[in-house]
Amino acid sequence: MRKLCVLLSLILAVAVVTWSQNPPPQQPQQAGAQGAKTHKLAAEVVSADAQAATITIKGEDGKEATAKVDAAAAKSLANLKAGDKVTLTCRDNDAGQHEAIVAIEKAAPKSGDANPPKS
């Protein structure tokens, strides 16, 4: 019994020393941190909710989706209306899944547009 206690104590001591020399990896950086994966997406605005910080868009495939908008990009929501063409910059997690929209740019009106937006 005594040998078993000594053996277990030795194993525990080795584990503690090993762990202290090789600490576990740090947690991932907070959202919006430098180096986050992003991609751009062209879409049409279906609706924008500045209060909830969300936007509903229709993609080039015609499917609608609603997404969270980061605080910095949420300022742009008040200037959007249904039908606006936009380019969204989306932040993805390490697995490539969508997390939030970090920037919203209105597409420039086409040169042949009869009713350009008023500034």
C-alpha atoms as a PDB file:
ATOM      1  CA  MET A   1       0.000   0.000   0.000  1.00  0.00           C
ATOM      2  CA  ARG A   2       2.827   2.337   0.867  1.00  0.00           C
ATOM      3  CA  LYS A   3       4.499   1.666  -2.509  1.00  0.00           C
ATOM      4  CA  LEU A   4       1.238   2.503  -4.274  1.00  0.00           C
ATOM      5  CA  CYS A   5       0.962   5.855  -2.447  1.00  0.00           C
ATOM      6  CA  VAL A   6       4.580   6.720  -3.295  1.00  0.00           C
ATOM      7  CA  LEU A   7       4.023   5.767  -6.941  1.00  0.00           C
ATOM      8  CA  LEU A   8       0.844   7.872  -7.213  1.00  0.00           C
ATOM      9  CA  SER A   9       2.581  10.823  -5.530  1.00  0.00           C
ATOM     10  CA  LEU A  10       5.461  10.558  -7.981  1.00  0.00           C
ATOM     11  CA  ILE A  11       3.075  10.453 -10.973  1.00  0.00           C
ATOM     12  CA  LEU A  12       1.211  13.491  -9.633  1.00  0.00           C
ATOM     13  CA  ALA A  13       4.458  15.408  -9.115  1.00  0.00           C
ATOM     14  CA  VAL A  14       5.601  14.661 -12.679  1.00  0.00           C
ATOM     15  CA  ALA A  15       2.214  15.758 -14.055  1.00  0.00           C
ATOM     16  CA  VAL A  16       2.349  19.072 -12.150  1.00  0.00           C
ATOM     17  CA  VAL A  17       5.897  19.804 -13.322  1.00  0.00           C
ATOM     18  CA  THR A  18       5.030  18.936 -16.922  1.00  0.00           C
ATOM     19  CA  TRP A  19       1.885  21.077 -16.855  1.00  0.00           C
ATOM     20  CA  SER A  20       3.722  24.086 -15.393  1.00  0.00           C
ATOM     21  CA  GLN A  21       6.335  23.904 -18.155  1.00  0.00           C
ATOM     22  CA  ASN A  22       3.710  23.522 -20.903  1.00  0.00           C
ATOM     23  CA  PRO A  23       0.631  25.532 -19.873  1.00  0.00           C
ATOM     24  CA  PRO A  24      -2.583  24.896 -21.799  1.00  0.00           C
ATOM     25  CA  PRO A  25      -3.129  27.084 -24.871  1.00  0.00           C
ATOM     26  CA  GLN A  26      -4.717  30.474 -24.249  1.00  0.00           C
ATOM     27  CA  GLN A  27      -8.345  31.070 -25.073  1.00  0.00           C
ATOM     28  CA  PRO A  28      -9.028  32.403 -28.584  1.00  0.00           C
ATOM     29  CA  GLN A  29      -8.850  36.160 -28.968  1.00  0.00           C
ATOM     30  CA  GLN A  30     -12.013  38.155 -28.549  1.00  0.00           C
ATOM     31  CA  ALA A  31     -14.212  38.822 -31.559  1.00  0.00           C
ATOM     32  CA  GLY A  32     -12.953  41.634 -33.728  1.00  0.00           C
ATOM     33  CA  ALA A  33      -9.347  41.013 -32.787  1.00  0.00           C
ATOM     34  CA  GLN A  34      -6.576  41.459 -35.286  1.00  0.00           C
ATOM     35  CA  GLY A  35      -6.183  38.529 -37.650  1.00  0.00           C
ATOM     36  CA  ALA A  36      -9.815  37.433 -37.620  1.00  0.00           C
ATOM     37  CA  LYS A  37     -10.963  35.692 -40.784  1.00  0.00           C
ATOM     38  CA  THR A  38     -13.228  37.827 -42.932  1.00  0.00           C
ATOM     39  CA  HIS A  39     -14.891  37.626 -46.309  1.00  0.00           C
ATOM     40  CA  LYS A  40     -16.956  40.017 -48.437  1.00  0.00           C
ATOM     41  CA  LEU A  41     -20.461  39.343 -49.641  1.00  0.00           C
ATOM     42  CA  ALA A  42     -22.612  41.271 -52.133  1.00  0.00           C
ATOM     43  CA  ALA A  43     -26.280  41.318 -51.164  1.00  0.00           C
ATOM     44  CA  GLU A  44     -29.559  43.218 -51.261  1.00  0.00           C
ATOM     45  CA  VAL A  45     -31.046  44.615 -48.048  1.00  0.00           C
ATOM     46  CA  VAL A  46     -34.422  43.149 -47.116  1.00  0.00           C
ATOM     47  CA  SER A  47     -34.566  44.933 -43.740  1.00  0.00           C
ATOM     48  CA  ALA A  48     -32.237  46.540 -41.214  1.00  0.00           C
ATOM     49  CA  ASP A  49     -32.936  46.752 -37.477  1.00  0.00           C
ATOM     50  CA  ALA A  50     -30.633  49.246 -35.759  1.00  0.00           C
ATOM     51  CA  GLN A  51     -32.232  48.561 -32.348  1.00  0.00           C
ATOM     52  CA  ALA A  52     -31.489  44.813 -32.509  1.00  0.00           C
ATOM     53  CA  ALA A  53     -28.267  45.301 -34.518  1.00  0.00           C
ATOM     54  CA  THR A  54     -29.347  42.819 -37.199  1.00  0.00           C
ATOM     55  CA  ILE A  55     -29.734  42.907 -40.947  1.00  0.00           C
ATOM     56  CA  THR A  56     -31.780  40.665 -43.223  1.00  0.00           C
ATOM     57  CA  ILE A  57     -30.328  40.280 -46.691  1.00  0.00           C
ATOM     58  CA  LYS A  58     -31.032  38.477 -49.918  1.00  0.00           C
ATOM     59  CA  GLY A  59     -27.948  36.901 -51.442  1.00  0.00           C
ATOM     60  CA  GLU A  60     -27.157  36.465 -55.113  1.00  0.00           C
ATOM     61  CA  ASP A  61     -28.776  33.014 -54.876  1.00  0.00           C
ATOM     62  CA  GLY A  62     -32.083  34.631 -53.839  1.00  0.00           C
ATOM     63  CA  LYS A  63     -32.077  33.166 -50.322  1.00  0.00           C
ATOM     64  CA  GLU A  64     -32.750  35.423 -47.349  1.00  0.00           C
ATOM     65  CA  ALA A  65     -30.707  35.382 -44.151  1.00  0.00           C
ATOM     66  CA  THR A  66     -30.560  37.453 -40.971  1.00  0.00           C
ATOM     67  CA  ALA A  67     -27.217  38.207 -39.321  1.00  0.00           C
ATOM     68  CA  LYS A  68     -25.806  39.998 -36.269  1.00  0.00           C
ATOM     69  CA  VAL A  69     -24.023  43.285 -36.891  1.00  0.00           C
ATOM     70  CA  ASP A  70     -21.066  44.422 -34.752  1.00  0.00           C
ATOM     71  CA  ALA A  71     -21.415  47.729 -32.892  1.00  0.00           C
ATOM     72  CA  ALA A  72     -19.081  49.629 -35.234  1.00  0.00           C
ATOM     73  CA  ALA A  73     -20.991  48.504 -38.330  1.00  0.00           C
ATOM     74  CA  ALA A  74     -24.404  48.911 -36.651  1.00  0.00           C
ATOM     75  CA  LYS A  75     -24.080  52.681 -37.117  1.00  0.00           C
ATOM     76  CA  SER A  76     -24.605  52.087 -40.849  1.00  0.00           C
ATOM     77  CA  LEU A  77     -27.945  50.327 -40.326  1.00  0.00           C
ATOM     78  CA  ALA A  78     -29.893  53.575 -39.899  1.00  0.00           C
ATOM     79  CA  ASN A  79     -28.914  54.631 -43.440  1.00  0.00           C
ATOM     80  CA  LEU A  80     -30.117  51.431 -45.114  1.00  0.00           C
ATOM     81  CA  LYS A  81     -33.489  50.656 -46.619  1.00  0.00           C
ATOM     82  CA  ALA A  82     -35.032  47.659 -48.352  1.00  0.00           C
ATOM     83  CA  GLY A  83     -33.657  47.203 -51.846  1.00  0.00           C
ATOM     84  CA  ASP A  84     -30.263  48.822 -51.189  1.00  0.00           C
ATOM     85  CA  LYS A  85     -27.346  46.934 -52.712  1.00  0.00           C
ATOM     86  CA  VAL A  86     -24.542  46.468 -50.207  1.00  0.00           C
ATOM     87  CA  THR A  87     -21.179  44.812 -49.766  1.00  0.00           C
ATOM     88  CA  LEU A  88     -20.838  43.223 -46.341  1.00  0.00           C
ATOM     89  CA  THR A  89     -17.602  42.288 -44.619  1.00  0.00           C
ATOM     90  CA  CYS A  90     -18.315  39.219 -42.489  1.00  0.00           C
ATOM     91  CA  ARG A  91     -16.174  37.870 -39.642  1.00  0.00           C
ATOM     92  CA  ASP A  92     -15.844  34.089 -39.369  1.00  0.00           C
ATOM     93  CA  ASN A  93     -14.617  31.898 -36.536  1.00  0.00           C
ATOM     94  CA  ASP A  94     -11.725  29.457 -36.926  1.00  0.00           C
ATOM     95  CA  ALA A  95     -14.124  26.790 -38.212  1.00  0.00           C
ATOM     96  CA  GLY A  96     -15.243  29.126 -41.010  1.00  0.00           C
ATOM     97  CA  GLN A  97     -18.698  29.719 -39.511  1.00  0.00           C
ATOM     98  CA  HIS A  98     -20.243  33.181 -39.712  1.00  0.00           C
ATOM     99  CA  GLU A  99     -20.046  35.240 -36.504  1.00  0.00           C
ATOM    100  CA  ALA A 100     -21.048  38.807 -37.394  1.00  0.00           C
ATOM    101  CA  ILE A 101     -20.975  41.579 -39.967  1.00  0.00           C
ATOM    102  CA  VAL A 102     -18.135  43.997 -39.240  1.00  0.00           C
ATOM    103  CA  ALA A 103     -18.580  46.495 -42.101  1.00  0.00           C
ATOM    104  CA  ILE A 104     -21.371  47.555 -44.453  1.00  0.00           C
ATOM    105  CA  GLU A 105     -20.746  49.482 -47.667  1.00  0.00           C
ATOM    106  CA  LYS A 106     -23.515  50.697 -49.951  1.00  0.00           C
ATOM    107  CA  ALA A 107     -22.831  49.759 -53.543  1.00  0.00           C
ATOM    108  CA  ALA A 108     -22.265  52.706 -55.867  1.00  0.00           C
ATOM    109  CA  PRO A 109     -25.253  53.407 -58.106  1.00  0.00           C
ATOM    110  CA  LYS A 110     -24.898  52.224 -61.675  1.00  0.00           C
ATOM    111  CA  SER A 111     -24.178  54.981 -64.182  1.00  0.00           C
ATOM    112  CA  GLY A 112     -27.497  54.314 -65.925  1.00  0.00           C
ATOM    113  CA  ASP A 113     -29.511  54.515 -62.694  1.00  0.00           C
ATOM    114  CA  ALA A 114     -32.398  56.927 -63.245  1.00  0.00           C
ATOM    115  CA  ASN A 115     -32.852  57.639 -59.525  1.00  0.00           C
ATOM    116  CA  PRO A 116     -29.466  57.855 -57.786  1.00  0.00           C
ATOM    117  CA  PRO A 117     -29.671  57.976 -53.988  1.00  0.00           C
ATOM    118  CA  LYS A 118     -29.622  61.425 -52.404  1.00  0.00           C
ATOM    119  CA  SER A 119     -26.732  62.231 -50.077  1.00  0.00           C
END
